[in-house]
N, C-alpha and C. Protein backbone atom coordinates (compact mmCIF):
# COMPACT_ATOMS: atom_id res chain seq x y z
N MET A 1 0.92 -1.22 0.18
CA MET A 1 0.09 0.12 -0.27
C MET A 1 1.14 1.10 -0.12
N ILE A 2 0.64 2.44 -0.68
CA ILE A 2 1.26 3.65 -0.50
C ILE A 2 1.31 4.10 0.05
N SER A 3 2.07 4.89 1.28
CA SER A 3 2.18 5.41 2.17
C SER A 3 1.68 7.24 2.06
N SER A 4 0.60 7.59 2.67
CA SER A 4 0.63 9.09 2.35
C SER A 4 1.78 10.21 3.18
N VAL A 5 1.93 11.30 2.37
CA VAL A 5 3.17 12.19 2.73
C VAL A 5 2.56 13.06 3.92
N ASN A 6 3.23 12.68 4.95
CA ASN A 6 2.96 13.89 5.80
C ASN A 6 2.15 15.58 5.60
N LEU A 7 1.70 16.08 5.26
CA LEU A 7 1.46 17.51 4.64
C LEU A 7 2.31 18.38 5.77
N LYS A 8 1.50 18.39 7.17
CA LYS A 8 1.83 19.12 7.51
C LYS A 8 3.59 19.39 8.31
N ASP A 9 4.54 18.42 7.61
CA ASP A 9 6.07 18.56 7.86
C ASP A 9 5.92 19.09 6.49
N LEU A 10 5.63 18.80 5.42
CA LEU A 10 6.11 18.90 4.08
C LEU A 10 6.71 20.16 4.05
N PRO A 11 7.79 20.52 3.30
CA PRO A 11 9.28 21.89 3.06
C PRO A 11 7.96 22.91 3.11
N ILE A 12 7.00 23.03 3.03
CA ILE A 12 6.27 24.30 1.31
C ILE A 12 7.35 25.71 1.08
N GLN A 13 7.94 26.00 1.47
CA GLN A 13 9.38 27.57 0.93
C GLN A 13 9.66 26.56 -0.72
N ASP A 14 10.41 25.36 -0.06
CA ASP A 14 10.57 24.10 -1.53
C ASP A 14 10.28 23.86 -2.36
N LEU A 15 8.87 23.33 -2.09
CA LEU A 15 7.70 23.53 -3.52
C LEU A 15 7.72 25.20 -3.88
N VAL A 16 7.31 26.11 -3.18
CA VAL A 16 6.74 27.52 -3.86
C VAL A 16 8.10 26.98 -4.85
N ILE A 17 9.28 27.49 -4.15
CA ILE A 17 10.68 27.91 -5.42
C ILE A 17 10.52 26.82 -6.47
N SER A 18 10.40 25.25 -6.17
CA SER A 18 10.15 24.92 -6.96
C SER A 18 9.38 24.47 -7.91
N GLY A 19 8.24 25.10 -7.86
CA GLY A 19 7.11 25.83 -8.56
C GLY A 19 7.53 27.32 -9.55
N LEU A 20 8.05 28.17 -8.39
CA LEU A 20 8.35 29.36 -9.44
C LEU A 20 9.24 29.22 -10.05
N ILE A 21 10.19 28.25 -9.68
CA ILE A 21 11.31 28.30 -11.45
C ILE A 21 10.99 27.24 -12.21
N ILE A 22 9.87 26.81 -12.08
CA ILE A 22 9.08 25.86 -13.19
C ILE A 22 8.54 26.65 -13.66
N PHE A 23 7.50 27.51 -13.30
CA PHE A 23 6.35 28.66 -14.04
C PHE A 23 7.48 29.55 -14.91
N ILE A 24 8.86 29.89 -14.46
CA ILE A 24 9.17 31.14 -15.14
C ILE A 24 10.07 30.45 -16.24
N MET A 25 10.80 29.50 -16.18
CA MET A 25 11.44 28.20 -17.03
C MET A 25 10.79 28.26 -18.58
N SER A 26 9.63 27.72 -17.72
CA SER A 26 8.57 27.32 -18.81
C SER A 26 7.86 28.73 -19.70
N THR A 27 7.75 30.26 -18.92
CA THR A 27 7.42 31.18 -19.86
C THR A 27 8.27 31.35 -20.69
N ILE A 28 9.41 31.42 -20.44
CA ILE A 28 10.66 31.33 -20.89
C ILE A 28 10.51 30.86 -22.27
N ILE A 29 10.89 29.44 -22.22
CA ILE A 29 11.19 28.42 -23.47
C ILE A 29 9.29 29.08 -24.07
N ALA A 30 8.75 28.96 -23.80
CA ALA A 30 7.72 29.44 -24.31
C ALA A 30 8.07 30.63 -25.83
N ASN A 31 8.31 31.72 -25.07
CA ASN A 31 8.45 33.00 -25.51
C ASN A 31 9.59 32.50 -26.65
N VAL A 32 10.37 32.15 -26.22
CA VAL A 32 11.83 31.65 -27.10
C VAL A 32 11.81 30.84 -28.51
N TYR A 33 10.65 29.88 -27.58
CA TYR A 33 10.53 28.65 -28.36
C TYR A 33 9.31 28.12 -29.05
N ASN A 34 8.90 27.45 -28.45
CA ASN A 34 7.40 26.84 -28.66
C ASN A 34 6.89 26.15 -27.60
N PRO A 35 5.58 27.13 -27.46
CA PRO A 35 4.95 27.14 -26.27
C PRO A 35 4.88 25.29 -25.69
N LEU A 36 4.40 24.44 -26.96
CA LEU A 36 4.60 22.87 -26.66
C LEU A 36 5.21 22.93 -26.16
N LEU A 37 7.15 23.11 -26.47
CA LEU A 37 7.74 22.84 -25.83
C LEU A 37 7.99 23.58 -24.59
N ALA A 38 7.49 24.20 -23.89
CA ALA A 38 6.99 24.82 -21.94
C ALA A 38 6.35 24.16 -21.95
N ILE A 39 5.31 23.39 -22.61
CA ILE A 39 4.26 22.49 -21.64
C ILE A 39 4.98 21.38 -21.09
N THR A 40 5.75 20.95 -22.41
CA THR A 40 6.35 19.24 -22.25
C THR A 40 7.71 19.82 -21.09
N TYR A 41 8.15 20.86 -21.13
CA TYR A 41 9.12 21.51 -20.11
C TYR A 41 8.41 20.91 -18.32
N ALA A 42 7.84 22.13 -18.06
CA ALA A 42 6.94 21.51 -16.85
C ALA A 42 6.60 20.58 -16.69
N PHE A 43 5.94 19.84 -17.58
CA PHE A 43 5.22 18.40 -17.29
C PHE A 43 6.07 17.49 -17.04
N GLY A 44 7.79 17.79 -17.98
CA GLY A 44 8.54 16.88 -17.25
C GLY A 44 9.45 16.88 -16.08
N ASN A 45 9.23 18.19 -15.30
CA ASN A 45 9.82 18.42 -14.23
C ASN A 45 8.81 18.52 -13.17
N ILE A 46 7.37 18.54 -13.66
CA ILE A 46 6.55 17.85 -12.25
C ILE A 46 6.89 16.72 -12.24
N LEU A 47 6.49 15.61 -13.67
CA LEU A 47 6.83 14.17 -13.02
C LEU A 47 7.96 14.07 -12.23
N THR A 48 9.22 14.70 -12.60
CA THR A 48 10.59 14.02 -11.85
C THR A 48 10.72 14.81 -10.92
N LEU A 49 9.87 15.66 -10.35
CA LEU A 49 9.88 15.72 -8.97
C LEU A 49 8.85 14.66 -8.51
N THR A 50 7.70 14.44 -8.82
CA THR A 50 6.56 13.61 -8.29
C THR A 50 7.01 12.44 -7.87
N PHE A 51 7.90 11.78 -8.65
CA PHE A 51 8.82 10.45 -8.71
C PHE A 51 9.79 10.10 -8.10
N LEU A 52 10.63 11.11 -8.05
CA LEU A 52 11.83 11.37 -7.04
C LEU A 52 11.47 11.81 -5.71
N SER A 53 10.77 11.95 -5.18
CA SER A 53 9.64 12.35 -4.11
C SER A 53 10.22 11.83 -3.18
N TRP A 54 10.60 10.11 -3.33
CA TRP A 54 11.04 8.66 -2.45
C TRP A 54 12.20 9.07 -1.84
N LEU A 55 13.08 10.25 -2.49
CA LEU A 55 14.42 10.44 -1.96
C LEU A 55 14.21 11.35 -0.11
N TYR A 56 13.24 12.29 -0.46
CA TYR A 56 13.12 12.77 0.20
C TYR A 56 11.51 12.46 1.70
N LYS A 57 11.53 11.05 1.46
CA LYS A 57 9.98 11.04 1.92
C LYS A 57 10.45 10.34 3.66
N ASP A 58 11.61 9.76 4.33
CA ASP A 58 11.74 9.85 5.09
C ASP A 58 11.96 11.59 5.97
N THR A 59 12.47 12.64 5.48
CA THR A 59 12.88 13.31 5.85
C THR A 59 11.14 13.89 6.10
N TRP A 60 10.65 13.92 5.41
CA TRP A 60 9.06 14.33 5.48
C TRP A 60 8.23 13.77 6.35
N ASN A 61 8.70 12.06 6.77
CA ASN A 61 7.77 11.85 7.84
C ASN A 61 7.97 12.15 9.51
N ASP A 62 9.60 12.17 8.54
CA ASP A 62 10.38 11.98 10.88
C ASP A 62 11.33 13.64 10.35
N PRO A 63 10.66 15.10 10.88
CA PRO A 63 11.61 16.15 10.17
C PRO A 63 12.73 16.06 11.27
N SER A 64 12.62 15.38 12.54
CA SER A 64 14.61 15.19 13.24
C SER A 64 15.47 14.69 12.81
N LYS A 65 14.88 14.26 11.64
CA LYS A 65 16.13 14.02 10.60
C LYS A 65 17.34 15.16 9.77
């Protein structure tokens, strides 16, 4: 069974900064190249952050680490 992430200990500041970076870079890519590339870039980053979140799962569940 998939364990859920404890949202009260989630580093919100890190998530906000990551989201801003993805949004800004997607906007730049859309303006310079192609909007489809920007959507692909944003979607790829979100998937990467989601699938690699297991690296920080222990820290999110136990903030004393």
